[in-house]
Amino acid sequence: MAGFQGLGPDGRITTLGRGGSDTTAVAFAAAFEAERCDIYTDVDGIYTTDPRITSKARKLEKIAFEEMLELASLGAKVLQTRSVELAMRYKVRLRVLSSFEDTDENSGTLVCDEDEIMESKVVNGVAYSREEAKITLVTVEDRPGISAAIFAPLADAGVNVDMIVQNISEKDYDDHPGSVTDMTFSVPVNQVERAKRAMEEARAAGHISYDELIVDTETAKVSVVGIGMRSHTGVAARMFKALADENINIKVIATSEIKISVLIDRKYMELAVQALHDAFGLEAA
């Protein structure tokens, strides 16, 4: 049957958005309690990173739902985030295969529950997002509610904020009677103008005050992902050392239980991906 379509709240037929066919397939597999859902695509599986950036990229036999979800949301384009979310929720095993090659039972990559994976590598993949921008609000009043006052207008404007860093607050006795701080966050490059407008309008309305808004549109996000991070220490140290050895400066850091992301100058993105792929030995099975 056709995918990519469904019913809206008003009962009218609508499209499901990008990746809607994958989501349809997973929904059907869940409804039928199928043993597995095979997704045929233009690549022959999930790789440790983009093979166009490093020839050492290796195809994974298995990857956990959580890892795939992180990689998909961090820039790996093989599967859409929503289809992986649905598969994870309903425990639908996914297999990613090539539409252009003969396949057998061992082809492609299996996306499954982590219980099925006997031994988890500390890091299983390196993802990147090229089109990132860094915005800094300089000398923001440091008071309860300031974060909400900044990020609510951004949300209302449809700006997708990713990484956030707040500097240590300082006393500023000249222009500001209380404490002040700098607030830095990353957004997709194509949302910079929207973000600037939202901040300027919030300042004009008196909801926030800042001395300067600095935009850096020449940044990229590079992330390492792996469920093995939960039980291993030193991942961040190894990541930061690999970048330092290549003289790559880190601008912003964000972490979760199974991923570490850094914002760096875009011109170093490919070098960073290659260095991290080597540092975590991802070419070895």
Protein backbone atom coordinates (compact mmCIF):
# COMPACT_ATOMS: atom_id res chain seq x y z
CA MET A 1 0.00 0.00 0.00
CA ALA A 2 1.05 3.61 -0.34
CA GLY A 3 2.94 5.20 2.54
CA PHE A 4 3.56 8.83 3.45
CA GLN A 5 -0.09 9.65 4.11
CA GLY A 6 -2.55 9.63 6.98
CA LEU A 7 -5.57 11.37 8.46
CA GLY A 8 -5.35 14.76 10.13
CA PRO A 9 -7.31 15.66 13.30
CA ASP A 10 -10.19 16.85 11.09
CA GLY A 11 -10.38 13.49 9.29
CA ARG A 12 -8.92 14.80 6.03
CA ILE A 13 -6.12 12.97 4.20
CA THR A 14 -2.74 14.62 4.70
CA THR A 15 0.94 13.83 4.16
CA LEU A 16 3.18 12.73 7.05
CA GLY A 17 6.16 14.90 6.15
CA ARG A 18 9.73 13.91 5.33
CA GLY A 19 10.42 10.23 6.02
CA GLY A 20 6.69 9.51 6.15
CA SER A 21 7.04 6.29 4.15
CA ASP A 22 9.47 4.85 6.73
CA THR A 23 7.08 5.86 9.52
CA THR A 24 4.15 4.20 7.69
CA ALA A 25 6.13 0.97 7.29
CA VAL A 26 7.06 0.89 10.99
CA ALA A 27 3.45 1.60 12.02
CA PHE A 28 2.20 -1.30 9.89
CA ALA A 29 4.88 -3.63 11.24
CA ALA A 30 3.85 -2.67 14.79
CA ALA A 31 0.14 -3.17 14.03
CA PHE A 32 0.78 -6.60 12.49
CA GLU A 33 3.28 -7.53 15.23
CA ALA A 34 5.69 -8.36 12.43
CA GLU A 35 8.97 -10.07 13.19
CA ARG A 36 10.89 -7.27 11.47
CA CYS A 37 10.46 -4.24 9.23
CA ASP A 38 12.83 -3.99 6.27
CA ILE A 39 13.55 -0.50 4.96
CA TYR A 40 15.05 -0.44 1.46
CA THR A 41 17.02 2.73 0.81
CA ASP A 42 19.92 4.12 -1.24
CA VAL A 43 22.63 2.88 1.15
CA ASP A 44 23.44 -0.68 2.22
CA GLY A 45 23.21 -0.08 5.96
CA ILE A 46 24.18 2.17 8.86
CA TYR A 47 27.85 3.17 8.95
CA THR A 48 30.07 4.31 11.83
CA THR A 49 30.17 7.68 10.05
CA ASP A 50 29.65 9.13 6.58
CA PRO A 51 31.81 7.07 4.16
CA ARG A 52 32.20 10.19 2.01
CA ILE A 53 34.23 11.80 4.81
CA THR A 54 36.42 8.84 5.76
CA SER A 55 37.08 5.68 3.79
CA LYS A 56 37.56 3.90 7.14
CA ALA A 57 33.82 4.10 7.88
CA ARG A 58 32.51 0.60 8.64
CA LYS A 59 29.03 -0.84 8.17
CA LEU A 60 27.47 -1.89 11.48
CA GLU A 61 25.81 -5.29 11.80
CA LYS A 62 23.58 -4.09 14.64
CA ILE A 63 22.79 -0.79 16.30
CA ALA A 64 20.52 -0.03 19.27
CA PHE A 65 17.33 2.02 18.82
CA GLU A 66 18.70 4.73 21.14
CA GLU A 67 21.94 5.07 19.21
CA MET A 68 20.09 5.22 15.89
CA LEU A 69 17.74 7.85 17.31
CA GLU A 70 20.68 10.01 18.41
CA LEU A 71 22.50 9.58 15.09
CA ALA A 72 19.33 10.39 13.11
CA SER A 73 18.64 13.52 15.16
CA LEU A 74 22.31 14.62 15.00
CA GLY A 75 22.54 14.61 11.23
CA ALA A 76 22.76 11.01 9.94
CA LYS A 77 20.19 11.03 7.12
CA VAL A 78 19.62 7.27 6.63
CA LEU A 79 16.45 6.99 8.74
CA GLN A 80 14.04 9.70 9.81
CA THR A 81 13.87 10.35 13.56
CA ARG A 82 10.10 9.72 13.78
CA SER A 83 10.30 6.25 12.24
CA VAL A 84 13.03 5.27 14.75
CA GLU A 85 11.01 6.71 17.66
CA LEU A 86 8.01 4.63 16.59
CA ALA A 87 10.14 1.48 16.18
CA MET A 88 11.68 1.99 19.63
CA ARG A 89 8.31 2.57 21.28
CA TYR A 90 6.70 -0.55 19.79
CA LYS A 91 9.90 -2.66 19.78
CA VAL A 92 9.81 -3.13 15.99
CA ARG A 93 13.16 -4.45 14.77
CA LEU A 94 14.28 -2.54 11.68
CA ARG A 95 16.65 -3.67 8.97
CA VAL A 96 18.20 -1.08 6.66
CA LEU A 97 19.14 -2.46 3.23
CA SER A 98 20.13 -1.27 -0.22
CA SER A 99 17.50 -1.15 -2.98
CA PHE A 100 20.26 -1.59 -5.56
CA GLU A 101 21.97 -4.80 -4.41
CA ASP A 102 21.03 -8.43 -4.01
CA THR A 103 20.36 -9.04 -0.32
CA ASP A 104 20.21 -12.03 1.99
CA GLU A 105 19.45 -12.55 5.69
CA ASN A 106 22.83 -11.09 6.70
CA SER A 107 22.63 -7.94 4.57
CA GLY A 108 22.22 -4.43 5.88
CA THR A 109 22.12 -3.23 9.48
CA LEU A 110 19.67 -4.39 12.15
CA VAL A 111 18.26 -1.65 14.40
CA CYS A 112 17.13 -3.44 17.55
CA ASP A 113 16.83 -3.40 21.32
CA GLU A 114 20.17 -3.11 23.09
CA ASP A 115 19.49 -6.47 24.80
CA GLU A 116 20.08 -8.11 21.40
CA ILE A 117 23.56 -6.61 21.13
CA MET A 118 25.99 -8.81 23.02
CA GLU A 119 28.83 -6.35 23.36
CA SER A 120 28.44 -2.60 23.02
CA LYS A 121 31.38 -0.52 21.85
CA VAL A 122 31.86 2.59 23.94
CA VAL A 123 31.28 4.73 20.84
CA ASN A 124 29.40 3.30 17.86
CA GLY A 125 29.20 6.27 15.53
CA VAL A 126 30.28 9.83 14.72
CA ALA A 127 27.61 12.20 13.38
CA TYR A 128 27.89 15.76 12.13
CA SER A 129 25.69 18.69 11.20
CA ARG A 130 27.32 21.21 8.88
CA GLU A 131 24.82 24.07 8.92
CA GLU A 132 25.00 25.27 12.53
CA ALA A 133 25.29 28.83 13.87
CA LYS A 134 26.33 30.13 17.29
CA ILE A 135 24.52 33.09 18.84
CA THR A 136 25.77 34.88 21.96
CA LEU A 137 23.86 37.47 23.97
CA VAL A 138 26.45 39.58 25.77
CA THR A 139 25.79 41.09 29.23
CA VAL A 140 22.39 39.60 29.99
CA GLU A 141 20.84 40.33 33.37
CA ASP A 142 21.40 37.26 35.59
CA ARG A 143 18.11 36.79 37.45
CA PRO A 144 15.53 34.05 37.98
CA GLY A 145 13.43 33.62 34.83
CA ILE A 146 15.97 35.09 32.40
CA SER A 147 16.37 31.77 30.53
CA ALA A 148 12.60 31.55 30.03
CA ALA A 149 12.52 35.17 28.87
CA ILE A 150 15.15 34.38 26.22
CA PHE A 151 14.05 30.96 25.01
CA ALA A 152 10.24 31.41 25.05
CA PRO A 153 10.33 34.05 22.26
CA LEU A 154 12.71 31.81 20.28
CA ALA A 155 10.29 28.88 20.63
CA ASP A 156 7.36 31.09 19.62
CA ALA A 157 9.31 32.12 16.51
CA GLY A 158 9.86 28.45 15.59
CA VAL A 159 13.61 28.56 16.22
CA ASN A 160 15.12 25.16 17.00
CA VAL A 161 17.66 25.83 19.76
CA ASP A 162 20.13 23.01 20.33
CA MET A 163 23.18 23.54 22.56
CA ILE A 164 23.07 26.11 25.38
CA VAL A 165 25.88 27.49 27.53
CA GLN A 166 25.62 30.16 30.23
CA ASN A 167 28.78 31.81 31.48
CA ILE A 168 29.55 32.37 35.15
CA SER A 169 27.73 35.47 36.32
CA GLU A 170 29.72 38.56 37.24
CA LYS A 171 28.92 41.69 39.20
CA ASP A 172 28.74 44.72 36.93
CA TYR A 173 28.65 47.89 39.01
CA ASP A 174 28.74 50.38 36.12
CA ASP A 175 25.67 49.93 33.94
CA HIS A 176 23.93 47.02 35.69
CA PRO A 177 23.22 47.09 39.45
CA GLY A 178 22.93 43.27 39.70
CA SER A 179 24.78 40.30 38.26
CA VAL A 180 25.24 39.83 34.52
CA THR A 181 26.11 36.86 32.34
CA ASP A 182 26.59 35.86 28.68
CA MET A 183 24.23 33.33 27.10
CA THR A 184 25.36 31.27 24.09
CA PHE A 185 23.23 28.86 22.07
CA SER A 186 23.30 27.14 18.68
CA VAL A 187 20.60 27.18 15.99
CA PRO A 188 20.41 25.97 12.36
CA VAL A 189 21.98 28.55 10.01
CA ASN A 190 18.70 29.10 8.15
CA GLN A 191 16.99 30.19 11.41
CA VAL A 192 19.51 32.89 12.41
CA GLU A 193 17.51 35.83 11.07
CA ARG A 194 14.36 34.57 12.82
CA ALA A 195 16.30 34.22 16.09
CA LYS A 196 17.80 37.73 15.81
CA ARG A 197 14.38 39.22 15.14
CA ALA A 198 12.85 37.40 18.14
CA MET A 199 15.64 38.65 20.44
CA GLU A 200 15.41 42.24 19.16
CA GLU A 201 11.63 42.24 19.65
CA ALA A 202 11.97 40.80 23.19
CA ARG A 203 14.52 43.52 24.04
CA ALA A 204 12.32 46.27 22.54
CA ALA A 205 9.39 44.99 24.64
CA GLY A 206 11.55 45.20 27.77
CA HIS A 207 11.44 41.45 28.53
CA ILE A 208 15.22 41.06 28.28
CA SER A 209 18.24 43.33 28.04
CA TYR A 210 21.63 42.66 26.47
CA ASP A 211 24.49 44.82 25.23
CA GLU A 212 25.28 42.94 22.04
CA LEU A 213 24.12 40.00 19.93
CA ILE A 214 27.03 38.16 18.25
CA VAL A 215 26.39 35.64 15.47
CA ASP A 216 28.90 33.10 14.14
CA THR A 217 27.49 31.28 11.11
CA GLU A 218 30.71 29.36 10.32
CA THR A 219 30.31 26.53 12.83
CA ALA A 220 29.47 22.82 12.68
CA LYS A 221 28.39 20.24 15.25
CA VAL A 222 30.25 16.95 15.61
CA SER A 223 28.95 14.22 17.95
CA VAL A 224 30.04 10.81 19.21
CA VAL A 225 27.27 8.35 20.12
CA GLY A 226 27.32 5.01 21.95
CA ILE A 227 25.29 3.17 24.60
CA GLY A 228 28.62 1.93 25.99
CA MET A 229 29.19 5.44 27.40
CA ARG A 230 26.80 4.63 30.23
CA SER A 231 29.25 2.17 31.75
CA HIS A 232 32.60 3.61 30.62
CA THR A 233 34.42 6.68 31.88
CA GLY A 234 36.89 8.88 30.03
CA VAL A 235 34.96 9.22 26.75
CA ALA A 236 34.88 13.03 26.95
CA ALA A 237 38.59 13.17 27.80
CA ARG A 238 39.47 10.98 24.81
CA MET A 239 37.25 13.03 22.51
CA PHE A 240 38.68 16.37 23.64
CA LYS A 241 42.26 15.09 23.41
CA ALA A 242 41.70 13.87 19.82
CA LEU A 243 40.41 17.33 18.86
CA ALA A 244 43.21 19.10 20.76
CA ASP A 245 45.82 16.99 18.95
CA GLU A 246 44.45 18.36 15.67
CA ASN A 247 44.43 21.93 17.08
CA ILE A 248 40.63 22.13 16.88
CA ASN A 249 39.07 24.56 19.34
CA ILE A 250 35.75 23.62 21.01
CA LYS A 251 33.22 26.46 21.26
CA VAL A 252 30.26 24.73 22.97
CA ILE A 253 29.80 21.28 24.57
CA ALA A 254 26.54 19.38 25.14
CA THR A 255 26.16 15.90 26.58
CA SER A 256 23.52 13.27 27.24
CA GLU A 257 23.78 9.78 28.66
CA ILE A 258 24.89 8.28 25.34
CA LYS A 259 26.28 11.19 23.33
CA ILE A 260 28.74 14.08 23.46
CA SER A 261 28.38 16.94 20.96
CA VAL A 262 30.78 19.81 20.31
CA LEU A 263 30.46 22.97 18.25
CA ILE A 264 33.61 23.80 16.26
CA ASP A 265 34.69 25.94 13.30
CA ARG A 266 33.10 24.49 10.16
CA LYS A 267 36.40 24.37 8.26
CA TYR A 268 37.62 21.69 10.72
CA MET A 269 34.50 19.51 10.56
CA GLU A 270 35.79 16.75 8.27
CA LEU A 271 39.13 16.65 10.10
CA ALA A 272 37.27 16.33 13.43
CA VAL A 273 35.10 13.45 12.16
CA GLN A 274 38.17 11.60 10.86
CA ALA A 275 40.15 12.22 14.08
CA LEU A 276 37.30 10.97 16.30
CA HIS A 277 36.67 7.94 14.09
CA ASP A 278 40.37 7.03 14.53
CA ALA A 279 40.50 7.90 18.25
CA PHE A 280 37.68 5.46 19.08
CA GLY A 281 38.92 2.74 16.69
CA LEU A 282 35.61 2.59 14.81
CA GLU A 283 37.11 0.95 11.73
CA ALA A 284 37.70 -2.23 13.78
CA ALA A 285 34.77 -4.63 14.08
